[in-house]
Every structure is written in structure tokens, then in C-alpha cells.
C-alpha atoms as a PDB file:
ATOM      1  CA  UNK A   1     -13.399   1.120   8.353  1.00  0.00           C
ATOM      2  CA  UNK A   2     -15.281  -2.174   7.962  1.00  0.00           C
ATOM      3  CA  UNK A   3     -13.699  -4.502   5.438  1.00  0.00           C
ATOM      4  CA  UNK A   4     -17.038  -4.632   3.587  1.00  0.00           C
ATOM      5  CA  UNK A   5     -16.453  -1.022   2.546  1.00  0.00           C
ATOM      6  CA  UNK A   6     -13.026  -1.671   1.027  1.00  0.00           C
ATOM      7  CA  UNK A   7     -13.119   0.015  -2.374  1.00  0.00           C
ATOM      8  CA  UNK A   8     -10.834  -2.397  -4.213  1.00  0.00           C
ATOM      9  CA  UNK A   9      -9.862  -1.639  -7.801  1.00  0.00           C
ATOM     10  CA  UNK A  10      -7.860  -4.156  -9.804  1.00  0.00           C
ATOM     11  CA  UNK A  11      -4.936  -2.658 -11.700  1.00  0.00           C
ATOM     12  CA  UNK A  12      -3.104  -5.752 -12.924  1.00  0.00           C
ATOM     13  CA  UNK A  13      -3.365  -9.522 -12.738  1.00  0.00           C
ATOM     14  CA  UNK A  14      -1.339 -12.186 -14.493  1.00  0.00           C
ATOM     15  CA  UNK A  15       1.194 -14.980 -14.210  1.00  0.00           C
ATOM     16  CA  UNK A  16       4.952 -14.437 -14.532  1.00  0.00           C
ATOM     17  CA  UNK A  17       7.716 -16.925 -15.334  1.00  0.00           C
ATOM     18  CA  UNK A  18      11.257 -16.011 -14.311  1.00  0.00           C
ATOM     19  CA  UNK A  19      14.691 -17.540 -14.563  1.00  0.00           C
ATOM     20  CA  UNK A  20      16.963 -15.575 -12.229  1.00  0.00           C
ATOM     21  CA  UNK A  21      15.662 -12.336 -13.783  1.00  0.00           C
ATOM     22  CA  UNK A  22      13.342 -11.022 -11.057  1.00  0.00           C
ATOM     23  CA  UNK A  23      15.766  -8.764  -9.232  1.00  0.00           C
ATOM     24  CA  UNK A  24      14.351  -5.289  -8.700  1.00  0.00           C
ATOM     25  CA  UNK A  25      15.512  -2.875  -6.017  1.00  0.00           C
ATOM     26  CA  UNK A  26      13.729  -0.255  -3.894  1.00  0.00           C
ATOM     27  CA  UNK A  27      10.208  -0.732  -5.247  1.00  0.00           C
ATOM     28  CA  UNK A  28       7.633   1.570  -3.655  1.00  0.00           C
ATOM     29  CA  UNK A  29       4.123   2.037  -5.095  1.00  0.00           C
ATOM     30  CA  UNK A  30       0.713   3.474  -4.077  1.00  0.00           C
ATOM     31  CA  UNK A  31      -0.976   0.106  -4.587  1.00  0.00           C
ATOM     32  CA  UNK A  32      -0.956  -3.256  -2.804  1.00  0.00           C
ATOM     33  CA  UNK A  33       0.704  -6.311  -4.359  1.00  0.00           C
ATOM     34  CA  UNK A  34      -0.398  -9.899  -3.736  1.00  0.00           C
ATOM     35  CA  UNK A  35       1.576 -12.902  -5.003  1.00  0.00           C
ATOM     36  CA  UNK A  36       0.623 -16.559  -5.300  1.00  0.00           C
ATOM     37  CA  UNK A  37       3.754 -18.675  -5.811  1.00  0.00           C
ATOM     38  CA  UNK A  38       3.355 -21.622  -8.186  1.00  0.00           C
ATOM     39  CA  UNK A  39       6.892 -23.025  -8.287  1.00  0.00           C
ATOM     40  CA  UNK A  40      10.450 -22.100  -7.451  1.00  0.00           C
ATOM     41  CA  UNK A  41      11.680 -19.730  -4.786  1.00  0.00           C
ATOM     42  CA  UNK A  42      12.632 -16.078  -4.530  1.00  0.00           C
ATOM     43  CA  UNK A  43      13.263 -13.584  -1.770  1.00  0.00           C
ATOM     44  CA  UNK A  44      11.291 -10.520  -0.721  1.00  0.00           C
ATOM     45  CA  UNK A  45      13.478  -7.969   1.054  1.00  0.00           C
ATOM     46  CA  UNK A  46      11.619  -5.644   3.405  1.00  0.00           C
ATOM     47  CA  UNK A  47      13.174  -2.944   5.540  1.00  0.00           C
ATOM     48  CA  UNK A  48      13.137  -5.078   8.672  1.00  0.00           C
ATOM     49  CA  UNK A  49      13.387  -8.654   7.375  1.00  0.00           C
ATOM     50  CA  UNK A  50      13.821 -11.024   4.453  1.00  0.00           C
ATOM     51  CA  UNK A  51      10.965 -13.353   3.424  1.00  0.00           C
ATOM     52  CA  UNK A  52      11.481 -16.455   1.280  1.00  0.00           C
ATOM     53  CA  UNK A  53       8.673 -16.809  -1.270  1.00  0.00           C
ATOM     54  CA  UNK A  54       7.571 -20.467  -1.425  1.00  0.00           C
ATOM     55  CA  UNK A  55       5.161 -22.468  -3.606  1.00  0.00           C
ATOM     56  CA  UNK A  56       1.514 -22.729  -2.528  1.00  0.00           C
ATOM     57  CA  UNK A  57       1.736 -19.595  -0.370  1.00  0.00           C
ATOM     58  CA  UNK A  58       0.243 -16.124  -0.703  1.00  0.00           C
ATOM     59  CA  UNK A  59       2.170 -12.929   0.035  1.00  0.00           C
ATOM     60  CA  UNK A  60       0.976  -9.359   0.526  1.00  0.00           C
ATOM     61  CA  UNK A  61       2.972  -6.142   0.172  1.00  0.00           C
ATOM     62  CA  UNK A  62       0.888  -3.151   1.311  1.00  0.00           C
ATOM     63  CA  UNK A  63       0.916   0.110  -0.613  1.00  0.00           C
ATOM     64  CA  UNK A  64       3.833   2.468   0.123  1.00  0.00           C
ATOM     65  CA  UNK A  65       6.034  -0.374   1.390  1.00  0.00           C
ATOM     66  CA  UNK A  66       9.660  -0.041   0.291  1.00  0.00           C
ATOM     67  CA  UNK A  67      10.910  -3.466  -0.803  1.00  0.00           C
ATOM     68  CA  UNK A  68      13.195  -5.387  -3.188  1.00  0.00           C
ATOM     69  CA  UNK A  69      13.214  -8.785  -4.910  1.00  0.00           C
ATOM     70  CA  UNK A  70      15.930 -11.409  -5.404  1.00  0.00           C
ATOM     71  CA  UNK A  71      15.590 -14.438  -7.669  1.00  0.00           C
ATOM     72  CA  UNK A  72      18.449 -16.828  -8.450  1.00  0.00           C
ATOM     73  CA  UNK A  73      16.618 -19.526 -10.427  1.00  0.00           C
ATOM     74  CA  UNK A  74      13.330 -20.630 -11.934  1.00  0.00           C
ATOM     75  CA  UNK A  75      10.351 -18.897 -10.335  1.00  0.00           C
ATOM     76  CA  UNK A  76       6.674 -18.747 -11.337  1.00  0.00           C
ATOM     77  CA  UNK A  77       4.023 -16.704  -9.576  1.00  0.00           C
ATOM     78  CA  UNK A  78       0.648 -15.059 -10.059  1.00  0.00           C
ATOM     79  CA  UNK A  79       0.480 -11.359  -9.240  1.00  0.00           C
ATOM     80  CA  UNK A  80      -2.425  -9.097  -8.347  1.00  0.00           C
ATOM     81  CA  UNK A  81      -2.161  -5.319  -7.994  1.00  0.00           C
ATOM     82  CA  UNK A  82      -4.972  -3.678  -6.037  1.00  0.00           C
ATOM     83  CA  UNK A  83      -5.581   0.027  -5.551  1.00  0.00           C
ATOM     84  CA  UNK A  84      -7.679   1.674  -2.846  1.00  0.00           C
ATOM     85  CA  UNK A  85      -6.728   5.306  -3.238  1.00  0.00           C
ATOM     86  CA  UNK A  86      -6.327   7.653  -0.310  1.00  0.00           C
ATOM     87  CA  UNK A  87      -9.210   7.908   2.139  1.00  0.00           C
ATOM     88  CA  UNK A  88      -9.739  10.423   4.914  1.00  0.00           C
ATOM     89  CA  UNK A  89     -10.527   7.582   7.275  1.00  0.00           C
ATOM     90  CA  UNK A  90      -8.762   4.732   9.010  1.00  0.00           C
ATOM     91  CA  UNK A  91      -8.107   1.885   6.594  1.00  0.00           C
ATOM     92  CA  UNK A  92      -8.066  -1.848   7.226  1.00  0.00           C
ATOM     93  CA  UNK A  93      -4.266  -2.113   7.154  1.00  0.00           C
ATOM     94  CA  UNK A  94      -4.104   0.338  10.056  1.00  0.00           C
ATOM     95  CA  UNK A  95      -6.737  -1.514  12.045  1.00  0.00           C
ATOM     96  CA  UNK A  96      -5.018  -4.894  11.706  1.00  0.00           C
ATOM     97  CA  UNK A  97      -1.536  -6.362  11.618  1.00  0.00           C
ATOM     98  CA  UNK A  98      -1.497  -8.616   8.548  1.00  0.00           C
ATOM     99  CA  UNK A  99       0.882 -11.533   8.044  1.00  0.00           C
ATOM    100  CA  UNK A 100       3.173 -11.149   5.030  1.00  0.00           C
ATOM    101  CA  UNK A 101       2.822 -14.865   4.218  1.00  0.00           C
ATOM    102  CA  UNK A 102      -0.119 -17.266   4.482  1.00  0.00           C
ATOM    103  CA  UNK A 103      -0.745 -20.785   3.205  1.00  0.00           C
ATOM    104  CA  UNK A 104      -2.834 -20.750   0.041  1.00  0.00           C
ATOM    105  CA  UNK A 105      -5.976 -22.822  -0.401  1.00  0.00           C
ATOM    106  CA  UNK A 106      -6.746 -24.996  -3.426  1.00  0.00           C
ATOM    107  CA  UNK A 107      -9.345 -22.539  -4.731  1.00  0.00           C
ATOM    108  CA  UNK A 108      -6.846 -19.656  -4.772  1.00  0.00           C
ATOM    109  CA  UNK A 109      -5.128 -20.947  -7.895  1.00  0.00           C
ATOM    110  CA  UNK A 110      -8.532 -21.184  -9.568  1.00  0.00           C
ATOM    111  CA  UNK A 111      -9.353 -17.618  -8.536  1.00  0.00           C
ATOM    112  CA  UNK A 112      -6.158 -16.319 -10.105  1.00  0.00           C
ATOM    113  CA  UNK A 113      -6.700 -18.425 -13.216  1.00  0.00           C
ATOM    114  CA  UNK A 114     -10.230 -17.067 -13.553  1.00  0.00           C
ATOM    115  CA  UNK A 115      -9.126 -13.441 -13.154  1.00  0.00           C
ATOM    116  CA  UNK A 116      -6.360 -13.938 -15.711  1.00  0.00           C
ATOM    117  CA  UNK A 117      -8.686 -15.557 -18.255  1.00  0.00           C
ATOM    118  CA  UNK A 118     -11.350 -12.868 -17.786  1.00  0.00           C
ATOM    119  CA  UNK A 119      -8.894  -9.944 -17.838  1.00  0.00           C
ATOM    120  CA  UNK A 120      -6.105 -10.869 -20.306  1.00  0.00           C
ATOM    121  CA  UNK A 121      -5.487  -7.174 -21.008  1.00  0.00           C
ATOM    122  CA  UNK A 122      -4.504  -6.638 -17.351  1.00  0.00           C
ATOM    123  CA  UNK A 123      -1.124  -8.354 -17.633  1.00  0.00           C
ATOM    124  CA  UNK A 124       1.988  -6.280 -16.971  1.00  0.00           C
ATOM    125  CA  UNK A 125       4.099  -5.132 -19.949  1.00  0.00           C
ATOM    126  CA  UNK A 126       7.161  -6.593 -18.200  1.00  0.00           C
ATOM    127  CA  UNK A 127       8.293  -7.565 -14.703  1.00  0.00           C
ATOM    128  CA  UNK A 128      10.396  -4.415 -14.293  1.00  0.00           C
ATOM    129  CA  UNK A 129       8.422  -2.012 -12.052  1.00  0.00           C
ATOM    130  CA  UNK A 130       9.857   0.960 -13.949  1.00  0.00           C
ATOM    131  CA  UNK A 131       7.971  -0.149 -17.083  1.00  0.00           C
ATOM    132  CA  UNK A 132       4.535  -0.168 -15.458  1.00  0.00           C
ATOM    133  CA  UNK A 133       4.800   1.828 -12.234  1.00  0.00           C
ATOM    134  CA  UNK A 134       4.298   5.232 -13.843  1.00  0.00           C
ATOM    135  CA  UNK A 135       1.628   7.910 -14.126  1.00  0.00           C
ATOM    136  CA  UNK A 136       0.534   7.189 -17.692  1.00  0.00           C
ATOM    137  CA  UNK A 137      -0.020   3.453 -17.293  1.00  0.00           C
ATOM    138  CA  UNK A 138      -1.412   3.840 -13.782  1.00  0.00           C
ATOM    139  CA  UNK A 139      -4.109   6.185 -15.099  1.00  0.00           C
ATOM    140  CA  UNK A 140      -4.898   3.826 -17.970  1.00  0.00           C
ATOM    141  CA  UNK A 141      -5.245   0.872 -15.572  1.00  0.00           C
ATOM    142  CA  UNK A 142      -7.676   2.815 -13.399  1.00  0.00           C
ATOM    143  CA  UNK A 143      -9.668   3.904 -16.432  1.00  0.00           C
ATOM    144  CA  UNK A 144      -9.819   0.329 -17.719  1.00  0.00           C
ATOM    145  CA  UNK A 145     -11.267  -0.832 -14.422  1.00  0.00           C
ATOM    146  CA  UNK A 146     -13.767   2.011 -14.282  1.00  0.00           C
ATOM    147  CA  UNK A 147     -14.947   1.187 -17.836  1.00  0.00           C
ATOM    148  CA  UNK A 148     -15.710  -2.441 -16.959  1.00  0.00           C
ATOM    149  CA  UNK A 149     -19.254  -3.736 -16.866  1.00  0.00           C
ATOM    150  CA  UNK A 150     -20.810  -3.894 -13.410  1.00  0.00           C
ATOM    151  CA  UNK A 151     -20.857  -7.702 -13.429  1.00  0.00           C
ATOM    152  CA  UNK A 152     -17.101  -7.761 -14.167  1.00  0.00           C
ATOM    153  CA  UNK A 153     -16.369  -5.485 -11.228  1.00  0.00           C
ATOM    154  CA  UNK A 154     -18.590  -7.590  -8.974  1.00  0.00           C
ATOM    155  CA  UNK A 155     -16.808 -10.801  -9.983  1.00  0.00           C
ATOM    156  CA  UNK A 156     -13.373  -9.242  -9.529  1.00  0.00           C
ATOM    157  CA  UNK A 157     -14.325  -7.790  -6.161  1.00  0.00           C
ATOM    158  CA  UNK A 158     -15.539 -11.189  -4.989  1.00  0.00           C
ATOM    159  CA  UNK A 159     -12.287 -12.865  -6.037  1.00  0.00           C
ATOM    160  CA  UNK A 160     -10.142 -10.134  -4.481  1.00  0.00           C
ATOM    161  CA  UNK A 161     -12.044 -10.248  -1.182  1.00  0.00           C
ATOM    162  CA  UNK A 162     -11.679 -14.032  -1.030  1.00  0.00           C
ATOM    163  CA  UNK A 163      -7.930 -13.702  -1.473  1.00  0.00           C
ATOM    164  CA  UNK A 164      -7.751 -10.877   1.072  1.00  0.00           C
ATOM    165  CA  UNK A 165      -9.670 -13.097   3.499  1.00  0.00           C
ATOM    166  CA  UNK A 166      -6.708 -15.478   3.691  1.00  0.00           C
ATOM    167  CA  UNK A 167      -4.673 -12.707   5.278  1.00  0.00           C
ATOM    168  CA  UNK A 168      -7.580 -11.434   7.370  1.00  0.00           C
ATOM    169  CA  UNK A 169      -8.002 -14.881   8.925  1.00  0.00           C
ATOM    170  CA  UNK A 170      -4.565 -14.557  10.543  1.00  0.00           C
ATOM    171  CA  UNK A 171      -4.655 -10.796  11.065  1.00  0.00           C
ATOM    172  CA  UNK A 172      -4.558  -9.410  14.586  1.00  0.00           C
ATOM    173  CA  UNK A 173      -6.746  -6.453  15.415  1.00  0.00           C
ATOM    174  CA  UNK A 174      -4.862  -3.632  17.053  1.00  0.00           C
ATOM    175  CA  UNK A 175      -6.156  -2.965  20.522  1.00  0.00           C
ATOM    176  CA  UNK A 176      -6.007   0.821  20.179  1.00  0.00           C
ATOM    177  CA  UNK A 177      -9.155   0.749  18.065  1.00  0.00           C
ATOM    178  CA  UNK A 178     -11.083   0.166  21.313  1.00  0.00           C
ATOM    179  CA  UNK A 179      -9.868   3.412  22.878  1.00  0.00           C
ATOM    180  CA  UNK A 180     -12.419   6.148  22.123  1.00  0.00           C
ATOM    181  CA  UNK A 181      -9.840   8.869  22.698  1.00  0.00           C
ATOM    182  CA  UNK A 182      -7.524   7.340  20.111  1.00  0.00           C
ATOM    183  CA  UNK A 183     -10.408   6.889  17.691  1.00  0.00           C
ATOM    184  CA  UNK A 184     -11.118  10.622  17.938  1.00  0.00           C
ATOM    185  CA  UNK A 185      -7.444  11.463  17.461  1.00  0.00           C
ATOM    186  CA  UNK A 186      -7.088   9.155  14.468  1.00  0.00           C
ATOM    187  CA  UNK A 187     -10.249  10.434  12.861  1.00  0.00           C
ATOM    188  CA  UNK A 188      -8.997  14.001  13.274  1.00  0.00           C
ATOM    189  CA  UNK A 189      -5.598  13.176  11.754  1.00  0.00           C
ATOM    190  CA  UNK A 190      -7.122  11.479   8.726  1.00  0.00           C
ATOM    191  CA  UNK A 191      -9.683  14.242   8.207  1.00  0.00           C
ATOM    192  CA  UNK A 192      -7.065  17.003   8.492  1.00  0.00           C
ATOM    193  CA  UNK A 193      -4.014  15.370   6.921  1.00  0.00           C
ATOM    194  CA  UNK A 194      -3.780  18.305   4.491  1.00  0.00           C
ATOM    195  CA  UNK A 195      -3.553  20.774   7.378  1.00  0.00           C
ATOM    196  CA  UNK A 196      -0.884  21.571   9.925  1.00  0.00           C
ATOM    197  CA  UNK A 197      -1.672  19.261  12.850  1.00  0.00           C
ATOM    198  CA  UNK A 198      -0.368  20.240  16.266  1.00  0.00           C
ATOM    199  CA  UNK A 199       0.111  17.654  19.021  1.00  0.00           C
ATOM    200  CA  UNK A 200      -1.354  20.106  21.543  1.00  0.00           C
ATOM    201  CA  UNK A 201      -4.492  20.135  19.414  1.00  0.00           C
ATOM    202  CA  UNK A 202      -4.642  16.337  19.554  1.00  0.00           C
ATOM    203  CA  UNK A 203      -4.093  16.365  23.306  1.00  0.00           C
ATOM    204  CA  UNK A 204      -7.015  18.758  23.771  1.00  0.00           C
ATOM    205  CA  UNK A 205      -9.157  16.483  21.601  1.00  0.00           C
ATOM    206  CA  UNK A 206      -8.281  13.518  23.822  1.00  0.00           C
ATOM    207  CA  UNK A 207      -8.729  15.559  27.006  1.00  0.00           C
ATOM    208  CA  UNK A 208      -5.169  14.723  27.991  1.00  0.00           C
ATOM    209  CA  UNK A 209      -1.912  16.519  28.590  1.00  0.00           C
ATOM    210  CA  UNK A 210       0.542  16.589  25.715  1.00  0.00           C
ATOM    211  CA  UNK A 211       3.104  14.252  27.385  1.00  0.00           C
ATOM    212  CA  UNK A 212       0.369  11.766  28.321  1.00  0.00           C
ATOM    213  CA  UNK A 213      -1.113  11.852  24.805  1.00  0.00           C
ATOM    214  CA  UNK A 214       2.307  11.103  23.313  1.00  0.00           C
ATOM    215  CA  UNK A 215       2.857   8.171  25.705  1.00  0.00           C
ATOM    216  CA  UNK A 216      -0.629   6.795  25.067  1.00  0.00           C
ATOM    217  CA  UNK A 217      -0.334   7.194  21.309  1.00  0.00           C
ATOM    218  CA  UNK A 218       3.069   5.481  21.233  1.00  0.00           C
ATOM    219  CA  UNK A 219       1.813   2.636  23.422  1.00  0.00           C
ATOM    220  CA  UNK A 220      -1.149   1.999  21.139  1.00  0.00           C
ATOM    221  CA  UNK A 221       0.528   2.653  17.767  1.00  0.00           C
ATOM    222  CA  UNK A 222       4.161   1.858  18.411  1.00  0.00           C
ATOM    223  CA  UNK A 223       5.066   5.301  17.067  1.00  0.00           C
ATOM    224  CA  UNK A 224       4.714   8.929  18.100  1.00  0.00           C
ATOM    225  CA  UNK A 225       1.897  11.204  16.871  1.00  0.00           C
ATOM    226  CA  UNK A 226       4.373  13.256  14.823  1.00  0.00           C
ATOM    227  CA  UNK A 227       5.875  10.167  13.171  1.00  0.00           C
ATOM    228  CA  UNK A 228       2.409   8.829  12.340  1.00  0.00           C
ATOM    229  CA  UNK A 229       1.276  12.168  10.891  1.00  0.00           C
ATOM    230  CA  UNK A 230       4.459  12.475   8.835  1.00  0.00           C
ATOM    231  CA  UNK A 231       4.014   8.970   7.414  1.00  0.00           C
ATOM    232  CA  UNK A 232       0.422   9.721   6.361  1.00  0.00           C
ATOM    233  CA  UNK A 233       1.490  13.020   4.776  1.00  0.00           C
ATOM    234  CA  UNK A 234       4.235  11.317   2.775  1.00  0.00           C
ATOM    235  CA  UNK A 235       1.790   8.647   1.605  1.00  0.00           C
ATOM    236  CA  UNK A 236      -0.529  11.400   0.358  1.00  0.00           C
ATOM    237  CA  UNK A 237       2.476  13.119  -1.255  1.00  0.00           C
ATOM    238  CA  UNK A 238       3.393   9.912  -3.097  1.00  0.00           C
ATOM    239  CA  UNK A 239      -0.138   9.649  -4.422  1.00  0.00           C
ATOM    240  CA  UNK A 240      -0.107  13.288  -5.574  1.00  0.00           C
ATOM    241  CA  UNK A 241       3.275  12.819  -7.242  1.00  0.00           C
ATOM    242  CA  UNK A 242       1.915   9.718  -8.925  1.00  0.00           C
ATOM    243  CA  UNK A 243      -1.413  11.086 -10.114  1.00  0.00           C
ATOM    244  CA  UNK A 244      -0.874  14.849 -10.642  1.00  0.00           C
ATOM    245  CA  UNK A 245       1.640  17.265 -12.126  1.00  0.00           C
ATOM    246  CA  UNK A 246       1.693  19.506  -9.048  1.00  0.00           C
ATOM    247  CA  UNK A 247       5.168  20.961  -8.311  1.00  0.00           C
ATOM    248  CA  UNK A 248       6.843  19.500  -5.240  1.00  0.00           C
ATOM    249  CA  UNK A 249       6.676  22.814  -3.391  1.00  0.00           C
ATOM    250  CA  UNK A 250       2.914  23.050  -3.978  1.00  0.00           C
ATOM    251  CA  UNK A 251       2.453  19.487  -2.737  1.00  0.00           C
ATOM    252  CA  UNK A 252       4.325  20.375   0.445  1.00  0.00           C
ATOM    253  CA  UNK A 253       2.108  23.427   0.992  1.00  0.00           C
ATOM    254  CA  UNK A 254      -1.028  21.402   0.168  1.00  0.00           C
ATOM    255  CA  UNK A 255      -0.072  19.033   2.989  1.00  0.00           C
ATOM    256  CA  UNK A 256       0.445  21.776   5.534  1.00  0.00           C
ATOM    257  CA  UNK A 257       4.263  21.722   5.340  1.00  0.00           C
ATOM    258  CA  UNK A 258       5.558  25.255   4.838  1.00  0.00           C
ATOM    259  CA  UNK A 259       9.264  24.357   4.914  1.00  0.00           C
ATOM    260  CA  UNK A 260      10.009  22.977   1.443  1.00  0.00           C
ATOM    261  CA  UNK A 261      13.515  21.739   2.384  1.00  0.00           C
ATOM    262  CA  UNK A 262      12.175  19.922   5.435  1.00  0.00           C
ATOM    263  CA  UNK A 263       9.507  18.270   3.298  1.00  0.00           C
ATOM    264  CA  UNK A 264      12.151  16.950   0.880  1.00  0.00           C
ATOM    265  CA  UNK A 265      14.274  15.584   3.755  1.00  0.00           C
ATOM    266  CA  UNK A 266      11.235  13.954   5.360  1.00  0.00           C
ATOM    267  CA  UNK A 267      10.135  12.406   2.056  1.00  0.00           C
ATOM    268  CA  UNK A 268      13.584  10.936   1.460  1.00  0.00           C
ATOM    269  CA  UNK A 269      13.748   9.535   4.974  1.00  0.00           C
ATOM    270  CA  UNK A 270      10.391   7.736   4.670  1.00  0.00           C
ATOM    271  CA  UNK A 271      10.271   6.889   0.951  1.00  0.00           C
ATOM    272  CA  UNK A 272      13.952   6.220   0.317  1.00  0.00           C
ATOM    273  CA  UNK A 273      14.252   8.838  -2.461  1.00  0.00           C
ATOM    274  CA  UNK A 274      13.564  12.536  -2.876  1.00  0.00           C
ATOM    275  CA  UNK A 275      10.188  13.670  -4.294  1.00  0.00           C
ATOM    276  CA  UNK A 276      11.889  14.618  -7.556  1.00  0.00           C
ATOM    277  CA  UNK A 277      13.557  11.204  -7.832  1.00  0.00           C
ATOM    278  CA  UNK A 278      10.279   9.479  -7.022  1.00  0.00           C
ATOM    279  CA  UNK A 279       8.492  11.386  -9.804  1.00  0.00           C
ATOM    280  CA  UNK A 280      11.303  10.725 -12.291  1.00  0.00           C
ATOM    281  CA  UNK A 281      11.201   7.015 -11.483  1.00  0.00           C
ATOM    282  CA  UNK A 282       7.467   6.700 -12.090  1.00  0.00           C
ATOM    283  CA  UNK A 283       7.680   8.601 -15.383  1.00  0.00           C
ATOM    284  CA  UNK A 284      10.355   6.413 -16.980  1.00  0.00           C
END
């Protein structure tokens, strides 16, 4: 998907001041977070590493990324929450490896200041994700954006794309996007993520044997076809849990998973909590 077609919707923007009180565990949301650090330091804990948040740097946490925060002193940062929804196509994050941290430019502070001054109602009710990361507020944030005047959306989109460009500048395009066979396989997975997808079916699509398809897929993606499919299904499940009242069993069936118990185990493995716990957390 070309970056020009990114359908960015702003959920929240604001500035936060902390004094050793930004310590939230196991945060996992269907939207992307971007931080601009003004002063102080904190730590971002990802599943595979720890990142120190420093002044005059930008940080990005993609949607559905399990993470935690640690703050032991004074810390001030701008935050921007951006939502893209779920698309039946390859998104930019899957086409590129983005750096978690980049050096900010002088204009970035002005961009955040402008967004904050133009959208004062978009500030978070508190820094605790449990107070804003829930179905009711999420829906109201989306509705607020959709009700904006066209010129407001255009200005916000311009600011968001400029900030995203800092990360894009240092992003590395994944070489598998050049393989036509993989493009066909990926397109099929995204278009049929709600169906049962068999690896044999993907192998036939790529005109390859099943073992060769698995090796090729793992070489290009760094993961197996089954693991990739499962991750995309759980991302869709998180979005459905977040935006609908569908029972967990119906969500499993809607995603082509007939074994309800297996779906719960898979969700917990990839999201860190069970579907029921995830829904309870976002409704607090």
C-alpha cells in the first residue's frame, strides 16, 4: 500500500507532565502511538528490548504492540494516537521495518503545538490507558474526527504525515515485497483473513511445494505462514473485541477458527491476555 493512501485518523493529541507516575504495564491497543519527548527520561519496555525515551526524539509504538512504561522522575512528552483501522491489504508497517526512535526536527515541536492548540478537546482524560483505552471513548474519538470540517482533517493529515516521515526516512523496505509470488500470497491472506487459510492453498497460489513455500515465506518474513496468519487473525479479533459486542465464540468463528478453546489459547499467547480479559480491560 503506498504511504499516500494511509487513512490516518487522529484519536488523541496532547502534552503530558509526569513525576514518577507514568508506570503502566502490558498496554496493547488497536492504534499507533507516537511520542515527542520534551524533557526528562522514561523507559519503554517492549517484548524484545528496553528503549530509553530521551528529549528531542520521536518514538513510535505500532498498533497491537504489547508494551509497558517506567518513569522514575520528571518527564514531559507530547503524545499522538493515530488509528488506521483494519484493511484487507498490506499496510505500510508490514512493508517497512520502522525504527522505534528517531531524532526530532525543530518543526516537530511546532507541529505538536499546533495540533494541541487546534484540537484541545483531543487530550486524554488521564495518562492511565485503562481510562481511555475502552470501547466507549474509542468510538467517541472516532466520531469526533469524522465530524471535523474537511480543512481540519486536511491540516491534521498533513501534520501526521510529516511526523510519520521522520520514521519513514530511516525505514528499511522489506525485500519480500519484490517477490511476485509472495505478493500474491500476502494479498490472498489479507483478503481471506476471515476464512480458514490452508498452507497447501498458499503453496498452489505460489506454484510451489508446501515445504518450499514455508521456507520461502520464513526467509522473506522471518516467520512461518501459519504464525503470520495467526497474528493477523488475532489483530482482527482485537479490533472486533474493541469495536463490537460480538461474543468471543462468534469472533472465533468469524475468523475461520472453529476450535473456540484453541482460539482463546492463541489469543493469550499473542496478546498476553485472554479475549475475555482483553474486553474487560477496555471496558473499565
